C-alpha atoms as a PDB file:
ATOM      1  CA  MET A   1     -25.480  -5.126 -19.410  1.00  0.00           C
ATOM      2  CA  THR A   2     -25.175  -5.503 -15.635  1.00  0.00           C
ATOM      3  CA  ILE A   3     -21.909  -7.070 -14.479  1.00  0.00           C
ATOM      4  CA  LYS A   4     -22.769  -9.719 -11.880  1.00  0.00           C
ATOM      5  CA  VAL A   5     -20.157 -10.129  -9.155  1.00  0.00           C
ATOM      6  CA  ALA A   6     -19.318 -12.683  -6.474  1.00  0.00           C
ATOM      7  CA  LEU A   7     -17.323 -11.310  -3.536  1.00  0.00           C
ATOM      8  CA  ALA A   8     -15.218 -13.609  -1.362  1.00  0.00           C
ATOM      9  CA  GLY A   9     -14.212 -12.461   2.112  1.00  0.00           C
ATOM     10  CA  ALA A  10     -16.727 -10.380   4.063  1.00  0.00           C
ATOM     11  CA  GLY A  11     -14.102  -8.907   6.421  1.00  0.00           C
ATOM     12  CA  ALA A  12     -12.814  -5.344   6.728  1.00  0.00           C
ATOM     13  CA  PHE A  13     -11.730  -5.100   3.098  1.00  0.00           C
ATOM     14  CA  GLY A  14     -14.680  -6.959   1.622  1.00  0.00           C
ATOM     15  CA  ILE A  15     -16.968  -4.352   3.223  1.00  0.00           C
ATOM     16  CA  LYS A  16     -14.922  -1.544   1.605  1.00  0.00           C
ATOM     17  CA  HIS A  17     -15.534  -3.124  -1.813  1.00  0.00           C
ATOM     18  CA  LEU A  18     -19.258  -3.641  -1.112  1.00  0.00           C
ATOM     19  CA  ASP A  19     -19.568   0.052  -0.144  1.00  0.00           C
ATOM     20  CA  ALA A  20     -17.699   1.083  -3.310  1.00  0.00           C
ATOM     21  CA  ILE A  21     -19.764  -1.134  -5.642  1.00  0.00           C
ATOM     22  CA  LYS A  22     -23.009   0.403  -4.306  1.00  0.00           C
ATOM     23  CA  LEU A  23     -21.861   3.649  -5.978  1.00  0.00           C
ATOM     24  CA  ILE A  24     -21.038   2.100  -9.369  1.00  0.00           C
ATOM     25  CA  ASP A  25     -23.783   1.845 -11.992  1.00  0.00           C
ATOM     26  CA  GLY A  26     -24.363  -1.399 -13.862  1.00  0.00           C
ATOM     27  CA  VAL A  27     -22.711  -3.673 -11.298  1.00  0.00           C
ATOM     28  CA  GLU A  28     -24.476  -6.010  -8.871  1.00  0.00           C
ATOM     29  CA  VAL A  29     -23.071  -8.309  -6.184  1.00  0.00           C
ATOM     30  CA  VAL A  30     -25.105 -11.515  -6.455  1.00  0.00           C
ATOM     31  CA  SER A  31     -23.084 -13.881  -4.260  1.00  0.00           C
ATOM     32  CA  LEU A  32     -21.124 -13.500  -1.005  1.00  0.00           C
ATOM     33  CA  ILE A  33     -18.598 -16.057   0.215  1.00  0.00           C
ATOM     34  CA  SER A  34     -17.052 -16.098   3.693  1.00  0.00           C
ATOM     35  CA  ARG A  35     -16.077 -18.737   6.220  1.00  0.00           C
ATOM     36  CA  ASP A  36     -18.661 -17.886   8.943  1.00  0.00           C
ATOM     37  CA  LEU A  37     -22.110 -18.489   7.418  1.00  0.00           C
ATOM     38  CA  ALA A  38     -24.107 -16.568  10.070  1.00  0.00           C
ATOM     39  CA  LYS A  39     -21.910 -13.471   9.766  1.00  0.00           C
ATOM     40  CA  THR A  40     -21.938 -13.747   5.975  1.00  0.00           C
ATOM     41  CA  LYS A  41     -25.759 -13.844   5.948  1.00  0.00           C
ATOM     42  CA  GLU A  42     -25.819 -10.755   8.148  1.00  0.00           C
ATOM     43  CA  VAL A  43     -23.618  -8.808   5.702  1.00  0.00           C
ATOM     44  CA  ALA A  44     -25.529 -10.171   2.682  1.00  0.00           C
ATOM     45  CA  ASP A  45     -28.847  -8.994   4.173  1.00  0.00           C
ATOM     46  CA  LYS A  46     -27.429  -5.522   4.770  1.00  0.00           C
ATOM     47  CA  TYR A  47     -26.264  -5.215   1.136  1.00  0.00           C
ATOM     48  CA  GLY A  48     -29.188  -7.046  -0.475  1.00  0.00           C
ATOM     49  CA  ILE A  49     -27.123  -9.995  -1.736  1.00  0.00           C
ATOM     50  CA  GLY A  50     -29.243 -13.048  -2.552  1.00  0.00           C
ATOM     51  CA  HIS A  51     -26.735 -15.913  -2.386  1.00  0.00           C
ATOM     52  CA  VAL A  52     -24.398 -16.802   0.486  1.00  0.00           C
ATOM     53  CA  THR A  53     -21.984 -19.687   0.868  1.00  0.00           C
ATOM     54  CA  THR A  54     -18.791 -20.688   2.653  1.00  0.00           C
ATOM     55  CA  ASP A  55     -17.347 -22.299  -0.495  1.00  0.00           C
ATOM     56  CA  LEU A  56     -16.008 -20.307  -3.450  1.00  0.00           C
ATOM     57  CA  ALA A  57     -16.763 -23.268  -5.762  1.00  0.00           C
ATOM     58  CA  ASP A  58     -20.515 -22.761  -5.122  1.00  0.00           C
ATOM     59  CA  SER A  59     -20.320 -19.203  -6.442  1.00  0.00           C
ATOM     60  CA  LEU A  60     -18.109 -20.138  -9.388  1.00  0.00           C
ATOM     61  CA  ALA A  61     -20.792 -22.640 -10.416  1.00  0.00           C
ATOM     62  CA  ILE A  62     -23.351 -19.812 -10.807  1.00  0.00           C
ATOM     63  CA  LYS A  63     -23.590 -19.196 -14.546  1.00  0.00           C
ATOM     64  CA  GLU A  64     -24.617 -15.538 -14.280  1.00  0.00           C
ATOM     65  CA  VAL A  65     -21.534 -14.581 -12.239  1.00  0.00           C
ATOM     66  CA  ASP A  66     -19.226 -12.633 -14.583  1.00  0.00           C
ATOM     67  CA  ALA A  67     -16.521 -11.570 -12.159  1.00  0.00           C
ATOM     68  CA  VAL A  68     -15.123 -12.298  -8.704  1.00  0.00           C
ATOM     69  CA  ILE A  69     -13.464 -10.003  -6.170  1.00  0.00           C
ATOM     70  CA  LEU A  70     -11.230 -11.868  -3.715  1.00  0.00           C
ATOM     71  CA  CYS A  71     -10.684 -10.310  -0.259  1.00  0.00           C
ATOM     72  CA  THR A  72      -9.559 -13.566   1.314  1.00  0.00           C
ATOM     73  CA  PRO A  73      -6.422 -14.440   3.332  1.00  0.00           C
ATOM     74  CA  THR A  74      -3.146 -13.828   1.454  1.00  0.00           C
ATOM     75  CA  GLN A  75      -2.248 -17.531   1.406  1.00  0.00           C
ATOM     76  CA  MET A  76      -5.324 -18.297  -0.748  1.00  0.00           C
ATOM     77  CA  HIS A  77      -4.946 -15.541  -3.361  1.00  0.00           C
ATOM     78  CA  ALA A  78      -3.064 -17.325  -6.142  1.00  0.00           C
ATOM     79  CA  GLU A  79      -5.001 -20.589  -5.880  1.00  0.00           C
ATOM     80  CA  GLN A  80      -8.387 -18.825  -5.801  1.00  0.00           C
ATOM     81  CA  SER A  81      -7.496 -16.473  -8.692  1.00  0.00           C
ATOM     82  CA  ILE A  82      -6.633 -19.531 -10.775  1.00  0.00           C
ATOM     83  CA  ALA A  83      -9.923 -21.249  -9.795  1.00  0.00           C
ATOM     84  CA  CYS A  84     -11.890 -18.144 -10.882  1.00  0.00           C
ATOM     85  CA  MET A  85     -10.234 -17.977 -14.302  1.00  0.00           C
ATOM     86  CA  LYS A  86     -10.598 -21.731 -14.813  1.00  0.00           C
ATOM     87  CA  ALA A  87     -14.340 -21.188 -14.233  1.00  0.00           C
ATOM     88  CA  GLY A  88     -14.295 -18.475 -16.932  1.00  0.00           C
ATOM     89  CA  LYS A  89     -14.696 -15.544 -14.511  1.00  0.00           C
ATOM     90  CA  HIS A  90     -12.840 -12.220 -14.536  1.00  0.00           C
ATOM     91  CA  VAL A  91     -11.029 -11.691 -11.243  1.00  0.00           C
ATOM     92  CA  GLN A  92      -9.785  -8.892  -9.040  1.00  0.00           C
ATOM     93  CA  VAL A  93      -7.687 -10.148  -6.142  1.00  0.00           C
ATOM     94  CA  GLU A  94      -6.762  -7.959  -3.211  1.00  0.00           C
ATOM     95  CA  ILE A  95      -3.062  -7.231  -2.699  1.00  0.00           C
ATOM     96  CA  PRO A  96      -0.882  -9.307  -2.615  1.00  0.00           C
ATOM     97  CA  LEU A  97      -1.287 -11.375  -5.773  1.00  0.00           C
ATOM     98  CA  ALA A  98       0.458 -14.285  -4.010  1.00  0.00           C
ATOM     99  CA  ASP A  99       2.745 -14.999  -1.073  1.00  0.00           C
ATOM    100  CA  ASN A 100       5.445 -16.461  -3.328  1.00  0.00           C
ATOM    101  CA  LEU A 101       6.769 -15.837  -6.847  1.00  0.00           C
ATOM    102  CA  ALA A 102       5.686 -19.210  -8.293  1.00  0.00           C
ATOM    103  CA  GLY A 103       2.062 -18.474  -7.326  1.00  0.00           C
ATOM    104  CA  ALA A 104       2.170 -15.007  -8.910  1.00  0.00           C
ATOM    105  CA  GLU A 105       3.708 -16.390 -12.126  1.00  0.00           C
ATOM    106  CA  ALA A 106       1.063 -19.133 -12.358  1.00  0.00           C
ATOM    107  CA  VAL A 107      -1.753 -16.551 -12.152  1.00  0.00           C
ATOM    108  CA  VAL A 108      -0.167 -14.392 -14.879  1.00  0.00           C
ATOM    109  CA  ALA A 109       0.391 -17.414 -17.138  1.00  0.00           C
ATOM    110  CA  LEU A 110      -3.277 -18.466 -16.882  1.00  0.00           C
ATOM    111  CA  GLN A 111      -4.480 -14.897 -17.500  1.00  0.00           C
ATOM    112  CA  LYS A 112      -2.462 -14.793 -20.736  1.00  0.00           C
ATOM    113  CA  GLN A 113      -3.924 -18.148 -21.753  1.00  0.00           C
ATOM    114  CA  THR A 114      -7.570 -17.212 -21.019  1.00  0.00           C
ATOM    115  CA  GLY A 115      -7.509 -13.514 -21.978  1.00  0.00           C
ATOM    116  CA  LEU A 116      -9.791 -12.769 -18.997  1.00  0.00           C
ATOM    117  CA  VAL A 117      -9.428  -9.528 -17.042  1.00  0.00           C
ATOM    118  CA  ALA A 118      -7.297 -10.255 -13.978  1.00  0.00           C
ATOM    119  CA  MET A 119      -6.109  -7.433 -11.763  1.00  0.00           C
ATOM    120  CA  CYS A 120      -4.591  -7.039  -8.332  1.00  0.00           C
ATOM    121  CA  GLY A 121      -5.614  -4.495  -5.697  1.00  0.00           C
ATOM    122  CA  HIS A 122      -2.524  -2.303  -5.809  1.00  0.00           C
ATOM    123  CA  THR A 123      -4.631   0.584  -4.479  1.00  0.00           C
ATOM    124  CA  ARG A 124      -1.788   3.142  -4.420  1.00  0.00           C
ATOM    125  CA  ARG A 125      -1.981   3.255  -8.241  1.00  0.00           C
ATOM    126  CA  PHE A 126      -5.543   4.573  -7.830  1.00  0.00           C
ATOM    127  CA  ASN A 127      -5.450   6.927  -4.821  1.00  0.00           C
ATOM    128  CA  PRO A 128      -6.033  10.480  -6.170  1.00  0.00           C
ATOM    129  CA  SER A 129      -2.995  11.668  -4.167  1.00  0.00           C
ATOM    130  CA  HIS A 130      -0.581   9.321  -5.962  1.00  0.00           C
ATOM    131  CA  GLN A 131      -2.402   9.835  -9.276  1.00  0.00           C
ATOM    132  CA  LEU A 132      -1.776  13.597  -9.127  1.00  0.00           C
ATOM    133  CA  VAL A 133       1.943  12.945  -8.641  1.00  0.00           C
ATOM    134  CA  HIS A 134       1.795  10.400 -11.493  1.00  0.00           C
ATOM    135  CA  LYS A 135       0.210  12.939 -13.861  1.00  0.00           C
ATOM    136  CA  LYS A 136       2.940  15.484 -13.051  1.00  0.00           C
ATOM    137  CA  ILE A 137       5.616  12.848 -13.779  1.00  0.00           C
ATOM    138  CA  VAL A 138       3.983  11.849 -17.096  1.00  0.00           C
ATOM    139  CA  ALA A 139       3.694  15.554 -18.053  1.00  0.00           C
ATOM    140  CA  GLY A 140       7.416  15.998 -17.378  1.00  0.00           C
ATOM    141  CA  GLU A 141       6.795  18.498 -14.546  1.00  0.00           C
ATOM    142  CA  PHE A 142       8.230  16.393 -11.731  1.00  0.00           C
ATOM    143  CA  ASN A 143      10.902  13.712 -11.408  1.00  0.00           C
ATOM    144  CA  ILE A 144      11.335  11.598  -8.293  1.00  0.00           C
ATOM    145  CA  GLN A 145      14.782  11.720  -6.688  1.00  0.00           C
ATOM    146  CA  GLN A 146      13.757   9.812  -3.577  1.00  0.00           C
ATOM    147  CA  MET A 147      10.678   8.208  -2.075  1.00  0.00           C
ATOM    148  CA  ASP A 148      10.703   7.947   1.690  1.00  0.00           C
ATOM    149  CA  VAL A 149       7.975   5.632   2.955  1.00  0.00           C
ATOM    150  CA  GLN A 150       6.823   4.553   6.418  1.00  0.00           C
ATOM    151  CA  THR A 151       4.336   1.700   6.804  1.00  0.00           C
ATOM    152  CA  TYR A 152       3.424   1.550  10.469  1.00  0.00           C
ATOM    153  CA  PHE A 153       0.910  -0.568  12.376  1.00  0.00           C
ATOM    154  CA  PHE A 154       0.476  -1.607  15.975  1.00  0.00           C
ATOM    155  CA  ARG A 155      -0.259  -5.278  15.595  1.00  0.00           C
ATOM    156  CA  ARG A 156       1.426  -7.302  18.320  1.00  0.00           C
ATOM    157  CA  THR A 157      -1.635  -9.534  18.258  1.00  0.00           C
ATOM    158  CA  ASN A 158      -3.285 -10.853  15.123  1.00  0.00           C
ATOM    159  CA  MET A 159      -5.980  -8.254  14.333  1.00  0.00           C
ATOM    160  CA  ASN A 160      -7.606  -6.983  11.133  1.00  0.00           C
ATOM    161  CA  ALA A 161      -8.328  -3.355  10.158  1.00  0.00           C
ATOM    162  CA  LEU A 162     -11.545  -3.440  12.246  1.00  0.00           C
ATOM    163  CA  GLY A 163      -9.719  -4.672  15.359  1.00  0.00           C
ATOM    164  CA  GLN A 164     -11.178  -8.178  15.036  1.00  0.00           C
ATOM    165  CA  ALA A 165      -9.128 -11.347  15.554  1.00  0.00           C
ATOM    166  CA  ARG A 166      -7.647 -12.661  12.308  1.00  0.00           C
ATOM    167  CA  SER A 167      -7.666 -16.284  11.251  1.00  0.00           C
ATOM    168  CA  TRP A 168      -4.379 -15.823   9.328  1.00  0.00           C
ATOM    169  CA  THR A 169      -1.099 -13.963   9.640  1.00  0.00           C
ATOM    170  CA  ASP A 170      -0.394 -10.792   7.708  1.00  0.00           C
ATOM    171  CA  HIS A 171       3.103 -10.254   6.297  1.00  0.00           C
ATOM    172  CA  LEU A 172       5.254  -7.116   6.117  1.00  0.00           C
ATOM    173  CA  LEU A 173       7.182  -8.252   3.032  1.00  0.00           C
ATOM    174  CA  TRP A 174       4.579 -10.040   0.880  1.00  0.00           C
ATOM    175  CA  HIS A 175       1.689  -7.703   1.695  1.00  0.00           C
ATOM    176  CA  HIS A 176       2.690  -4.299   3.020  1.00  0.00           C
ATOM    177  CA  ALA A 177       5.969  -3.879   1.134  1.00  0.00           C
ATOM    178  CA  ALA A 178       4.201  -4.916  -2.097  1.00  0.00           C
ATOM    179  CA  HIS A 179       2.318  -1.585  -2.124  1.00  0.00           C
ATOM    180  CA  THR A 180       5.504   0.477  -2.099  1.00  0.00           C
ATOM    181  CA  VAL A 181       7.676  -1.743  -4.308  1.00  0.00           C
ATOM    182  CA  ASP A 182       5.009  -1.621  -7.038  1.00  0.00           C
ATOM    183  CA  LEU A 183       4.271   2.095  -6.573  1.00  0.00           C
ATOM    184  CA  PHE A 184       7.966   3.036  -6.761  1.00  0.00           C
ATOM    185  CA  ALA A 185       8.354   1.265 -10.124  1.00  0.00           C
ATOM    186  CA  TYR A 186       5.016   2.672 -11.385  1.00  0.00           C
ATOM    187  CA  GLN A 187       5.847   6.250 -10.387  1.00  0.00           C
ATOM    188  CA  THR A 188       9.465   6.326 -11.610  1.00  0.00           C
ATOM    189  CA  GLY A 189       8.563   4.512 -14.840  1.00  0.00           C
ATOM    190  CA  GLY A 190      11.708   2.452 -14.420  1.00  0.00           C
ATOM    191  CA  GLU A 191      12.700  -1.031 -13.380  1.00  0.00           C
ATOM    192  CA  ILE A 192      13.950  -1.767  -9.886  1.00  0.00           C
ATOM    193  CA  VAL A 193      17.624  -2.537 -10.446  1.00  0.00           C
ATOM    194  CA  GLN A 194      18.785  -2.812  -6.817  1.00  0.00           C
ATOM    195  CA  ALA A 195      16.946  -4.036  -3.732  1.00  0.00           C
ATOM    196  CA  ASN A 196      18.158  -4.668  -0.186  1.00  0.00           C
ATOM    197  CA  ALA A 197      16.319  -5.726   2.964  1.00  0.00           C
ATOM    198  CA  ILE A 198      17.048  -6.283   6.638  1.00  0.00           C
ATOM    199  CA  GLN A 199      14.587  -7.416   9.297  1.00  0.00           C
ATOM    200  CA  GLY A 200      14.266  -7.408  13.069  1.00  0.00           C
ATOM    201  CA  PRO A 201      13.636 -10.395  15.360  1.00  0.00           C
ATOM    202  CA  ILE A 202      11.018 -13.014  14.443  1.00  0.00           C
ATOM    203  CA  HIS A 203       7.933 -12.857  16.684  1.00  0.00           C
ATOM    204  CA  PRO A 204       7.783 -15.984  18.911  1.00  0.00           C
ATOM    205  CA  THR A 205       4.083 -16.777  18.257  1.00  0.00           C
ATOM    206  CA  LEU A 206       3.258 -15.029  14.950  1.00  0.00           C
ATOM    207  CA  GLY A 207       6.392 -16.428  13.302  1.00  0.00           C
ATOM    208  CA  ILE A 208       7.049 -13.257  11.267  1.00  0.00           C
ATOM    209  CA  ALA A 209       9.418 -10.290  11.507  1.00  0.00           C
ATOM    210  CA  MET A 210       7.683  -7.311  13.134  1.00  0.00           C
ATOM    211  CA  ASP A 211      10.153  -4.740  11.769  1.00  0.00           C
ATOM    212  CA  MET A 212      11.782  -4.400   8.362  1.00  0.00           C
ATOM    213  CA  SER A 213      13.826  -1.937   6.337  1.00  0.00           C
ATOM    214  CA  ILE A 214      14.003  -1.972   2.521  1.00  0.00           C
ATOM    215  CA  GLN A 215      16.103   0.047   0.061  1.00  0.00           C
ATOM    216  CA  LEU A 216      15.320   0.211  -3.651  1.00  0.00           C
ATOM    217  CA  LYS A 217      16.923   1.833  -6.686  1.00  0.00           C
ATOM    218  CA  SER A 218      15.170   2.469 -10.014  1.00  0.00           C
ATOM    219  CA  SER A 219      16.783   2.352 -13.455  1.00  0.00           C
ATOM    220  CA  THR A 220      15.899   6.081 -13.564  1.00  0.00           C
ATOM    221  CA  GLY A 221      18.401   6.678 -10.728  1.00  0.00           C
ATOM    222  CA  ALA A 222      15.698   7.398  -8.130  1.00  0.00           C
ATOM    223  CA  ILE A 223      15.990   5.703  -4.734  1.00  0.00           C
ATOM    224  CA  CYS A 224      13.404   4.555  -2.193  1.00  0.00           C
ATOM    225  CA  THR A 225      13.731   3.964   1.550  1.00  0.00           C
ATOM    226  CA  LEU A 226      10.910   1.949   3.130  1.00  0.00           C
ATOM    227  CA  SER A 227      10.513   1.360   6.865  1.00  0.00           C
ATOM    228  CA  LEU A 228       7.868  -1.155   8.031  1.00  0.00           C
ATOM    229  CA  SER A 229       6.711  -2.038  11.535  1.00  0.00           C
ATOM    230  CA  PHE A 230       3.946  -3.902  13.357  1.00  0.00           C
ATOM    231  CA  ASN A 231       5.360  -2.499  16.644  1.00  0.00           C
ATOM    232  CA  ASN A 232       4.566   1.200  16.182  1.00  0.00           C
ATOM    233  CA  ASP A 233       2.292   2.587  18.901  1.00  0.00           C
ATOM    234  CA  GLY A 234       1.537   5.888  17.158  1.00  0.00           C
ATOM    235  CA  PRO A 235      -0.091   7.223  13.998  1.00  0.00           C
ATOM    236  CA  LEU A 236      -0.962   4.139  11.929  1.00  0.00           C
ATOM    237  CA  GLY A 237      -0.907   3.678   8.181  1.00  0.00           C
ATOM    238  CA  THR A 238       1.462   4.406   5.312  1.00  0.00           C
ATOM    239  CA  PHE A 239       3.014   7.806   4.675  1.00  0.00           C
ATOM    240  CA  PHE A 240       4.818   8.577   1.423  1.00  0.00           C
ATOM    241  CA  ARG A 241       7.225  11.464   0.966  1.00  0.00           C
ATOM    242  CA  TYR A 242       8.072  12.164  -2.671  1.00  0.00           C
ATOM    243  CA  ILE A 243      11.253  14.224  -2.931  1.00  0.00           C
ATOM    244  CA  GLY A 244      11.623  15.469  -6.495  1.00  0.00           C
ATOM    245  CA  ASP A 245      13.528  17.923  -8.647  1.00  0.00           C
ATOM    246  CA  THR A 246      10.765  20.591  -8.535  1.00  0.00           C
ATOM    247  CA  ALA A 247       8.745  19.878  -5.371  1.00  0.00           C
ATOM    248  CA  THR A 248       8.167  17.679  -2.340  1.00  0.00           C
ATOM    249  CA  TYR A 249       4.840  15.882  -1.832  1.00  0.00           C
ATOM    250  CA  ILE A 250       3.521  13.937   1.149  1.00  0.00           C
ATOM    251  CA  ALA A 251       0.749  11.390   0.443  1.00  0.00           C
ATOM    252  CA  ARG A 252      -1.437   9.922   3.176  1.00  0.00           C
ATOM    253  CA  TYR A 253      -3.842   7.530   1.450  1.00  0.00           C
ATOM    254  CA  ASP A 254      -6.159   9.721  -0.688  1.00  0.00           C
ATOM    255  CA  ASP A 255      -4.858  13.049   0.704  1.00  0.00           C
ATOM    256  CA  LEU A 256      -1.850  14.978  -0.640  1.00  0.00           C
ATOM    257  CA  PHE A 257       0.220  17.723   1.002  1.00  0.00           C
ATOM    258  CA  ASN A 258       3.244  19.724  -0.093  1.00  0.00           C
ATOM    259  CA  GLY A 259       6.535  19.516   1.814  1.00  0.00           C
ATOM    260  CA  LYS A 260       5.350  22.308   4.121  1.00  0.00           C
ATOM    261  CA  GLU A 261       2.304  20.209   5.140  1.00  0.00           C
ATOM    262  CA  GLU A 262      -0.146  22.436   3.217  1.00  0.00           C
ATOM    263  CA  LYS A 263      -3.048  20.341   1.902  1.00  0.00           C
ATOM    264  CA  LEU A 264      -3.452  20.233  -1.893  1.00  0.00           C
ATOM    265  CA  ASP A 265      -6.737  19.822  -3.763  1.00  0.00           C
ATOM    266  CA  VAL A 266      -6.558  16.542  -5.671  1.00  0.00           C
ATOM    267  CA  SER A 267     -10.292  16.161  -6.365  1.00  0.00           C
ATOM    268  CA  LYS A 268     -10.365  17.632  -9.894  1.00  0.00           C
ATOM    269  CA  GLY A 269     -11.406  15.119 -12.521  1.00  0.00           C
ATOM    270  CA  TYR A 270     -12.301  12.303 -10.104  1.00  0.00           C
ATOM    271  CA  VAL A 271     -15.712  10.688  -9.665  1.00  0.00           C
ATOM    272  CA  SER A 272     -14.609   9.696  -6.186  1.00  0.00           C
ATOM    273  CA  MET A 273     -11.909  10.423  -3.627  1.00  0.00           C
ATOM    274  CA  ASN A 274     -11.854   6.773  -2.543  1.00  0.00           C
ATOM    275  CA  GLY A 275      -8.979   4.688  -3.962  1.00  0.00           C
ATOM    276  CA  ILE A 276     -10.877   1.393  -3.536  1.00  0.00           C
ATOM    277  CA  GLU A 277     -13.869   2.689  -5.513  1.00  0.00           C
ATOM    278  CA  LEU A 278     -11.568   3.991  -8.274  1.00  0.00           C
ATOM    279  CA  GLN A 279      -9.826   0.598  -8.348  1.00  0.00           C
ATOM    280  CA  ASP A 280     -13.193  -1.208  -8.679  1.00  0.00           C
ATOM    281  CA  ARG A 281     -14.333   1.209 -11.399  1.00  0.00           C
ATOM    282  CA  GLU A 282     -11.172   0.370 -13.373  1.00  0.00           C
ATOM    283  CA  PHE A 283     -11.831  -3.379 -13.014  1.00  0.00           C
ATOM    284  CA  PHE A 284     -15.385  -3.118 -14.357  1.00  0.00           C
ATOM    285  CA  ALA A 285     -14.397  -0.659 -17.120  1.00  0.00           C
ATOM    286  CA  ALA A 286     -11.679  -3.063 -18.306  1.00  0.00           C
ATOM    287  CA  ILE A 287     -14.244  -5.909 -18.451  1.00  0.00           C
ATOM    288  CA  ARG A 288     -16.641  -3.728 -20.482  1.00  0.00           C
ATOM    289  CA  ASP A 289     -13.907  -2.379 -22.792  1.00  0.00           C
ATOM    290  CA  LYS A 290     -12.200  -5.800 -23.130  1.00  0.00           C
ATOM    291  CA  ARG A 291      -8.809  -4.278 -22.288  1.00  0.00           C
ATOM    292  CA  GLU A 292      -5.959  -4.722 -19.829  1.00  0.00           C
ATOM    293  CA  PRO A 293      -6.620  -2.813 -16.598  1.00  0.00           C
ATOM    294  CA  ASN A 294      -4.178  -0.632 -14.705  1.00  0.00           C
ATOM    295  CA  ALA A 295      -2.705  -2.980 -12.045  1.00  0.00           C
ATOM    296  CA  SER A 296      -3.301  -6.027 -14.249  1.00  0.00           C
ATOM    297  CA  VAL A 297      -1.623  -9.141 -12.836  1.00  0.00           C
ATOM    298  CA  ALA A 298       0.955  -8.956 -15.660  1.00  0.00           C
ATOM    299  CA  SER A 299       1.841  -5.326 -14.885  1.00  0.00           C
ATOM    300  CA  VAL A 300       2.396  -5.982 -11.166  1.00  0.00           C
ATOM    301  CA  LEU A 301       4.432  -9.182 -11.626  1.00  0.00           C
ATOM    302  CA  PRO A 302       7.820  -7.342 -11.545  1.00  0.00           C
ATOM    303  CA  CYS A 303       6.983  -6.265  -7.974  1.00  0.00           C
ATOM    304  CA  TYR A 304       6.690  -9.916  -6.880  1.00  0.00           C
ATOM    305  CA  ARG A 305      10.017 -10.734  -8.529  1.00  0.00           C
ATOM    306  CA  VAL A 306      11.605  -8.052  -6.334  1.00  0.00           C
ATOM    307  CA  LEU A 307       9.841  -9.372  -3.197  1.00  0.00           C
ATOM    308  CA  HIS A 308      11.147 -12.855  -4.026  1.00  0.00           C
ATOM    309  CA  LYS A 309      14.721 -11.526  -4.263  1.00  0.00           C
ATOM    310  CA  LEU A 310      14.314  -9.695  -0.959  1.00  0.00           C
ATOM    311  CA  GLU A 311      12.958 -12.825   0.712  1.00  0.00           C
ATOM    312  CA  GLN A 312      16.008 -14.791  -0.468  1.00  0.00           C
ATOM    313  CA  GLN A 313      18.270 -12.106   1.054  1.00  0.00           C
ATOM    314  CA  LEU A 314      16.385 -12.227   4.356  1.00  0.00           C
ATOM    315  CA  ASN A 315      16.538 -16.011   4.498  1.00  0.00           C
END
């Protein structure tokens, strides 16, 4: 059985999913939704997608669509995830699940009611680098004492990952911090029992803080220090340092190094070295196996509870 997919949002991240799905057997993108029809048609032609629209409702009305992947602006995530499930479609929504706790809780409640597969793109759970560390933790070979994380971008204007103007504003807390807050809980296997945040000045036109510092503590005793900036004119991206009881690891997306910056081979046992493709494979496997996926909306909800608490502190 081929899983038929509608993909919403043909921007930088939508393209990453389209490239990943090309490599996965038994899955076909049959509908593409984005706000600029001409650009959407261009992308659809390139990937051989037959149906294009600017309205998600059009795609949800297509009977053969089994599942939807949402790569739309953050502010739309919760509402669109709910619309997909109400239409009887499985859904994978890019991180973050919502930009407020009520939205995240509403998505989880509807998933429980419908029993559909609903997962969120917490890609760090899938990157081979972080997975190798996870396997060592599960095997009892490594325990995290501290995670030291830097999430750095240079985004003083509103640009996406391809350097194109964005129609919406990204958020350090509800988007970028979500990766680390969830990963810290996932990797320590504990609950986050303490969380503190401070932020720098609010940007006069973007209306968001451009710099932020977050401290977390797990019920396991491990701590996490997270520094975030949109002001950093230097190496961009997120860098994770795992300081443990037996080793130190540095993760840069799919690549892993030891504390001495020697690169480690993390490719064993993986069909791909691309976290997005591995994430998509998990989504489709969960649909086929009728099971809860890793990064299901229910499993990531605790992260959004922590973000909510941090937002209340900052306000």
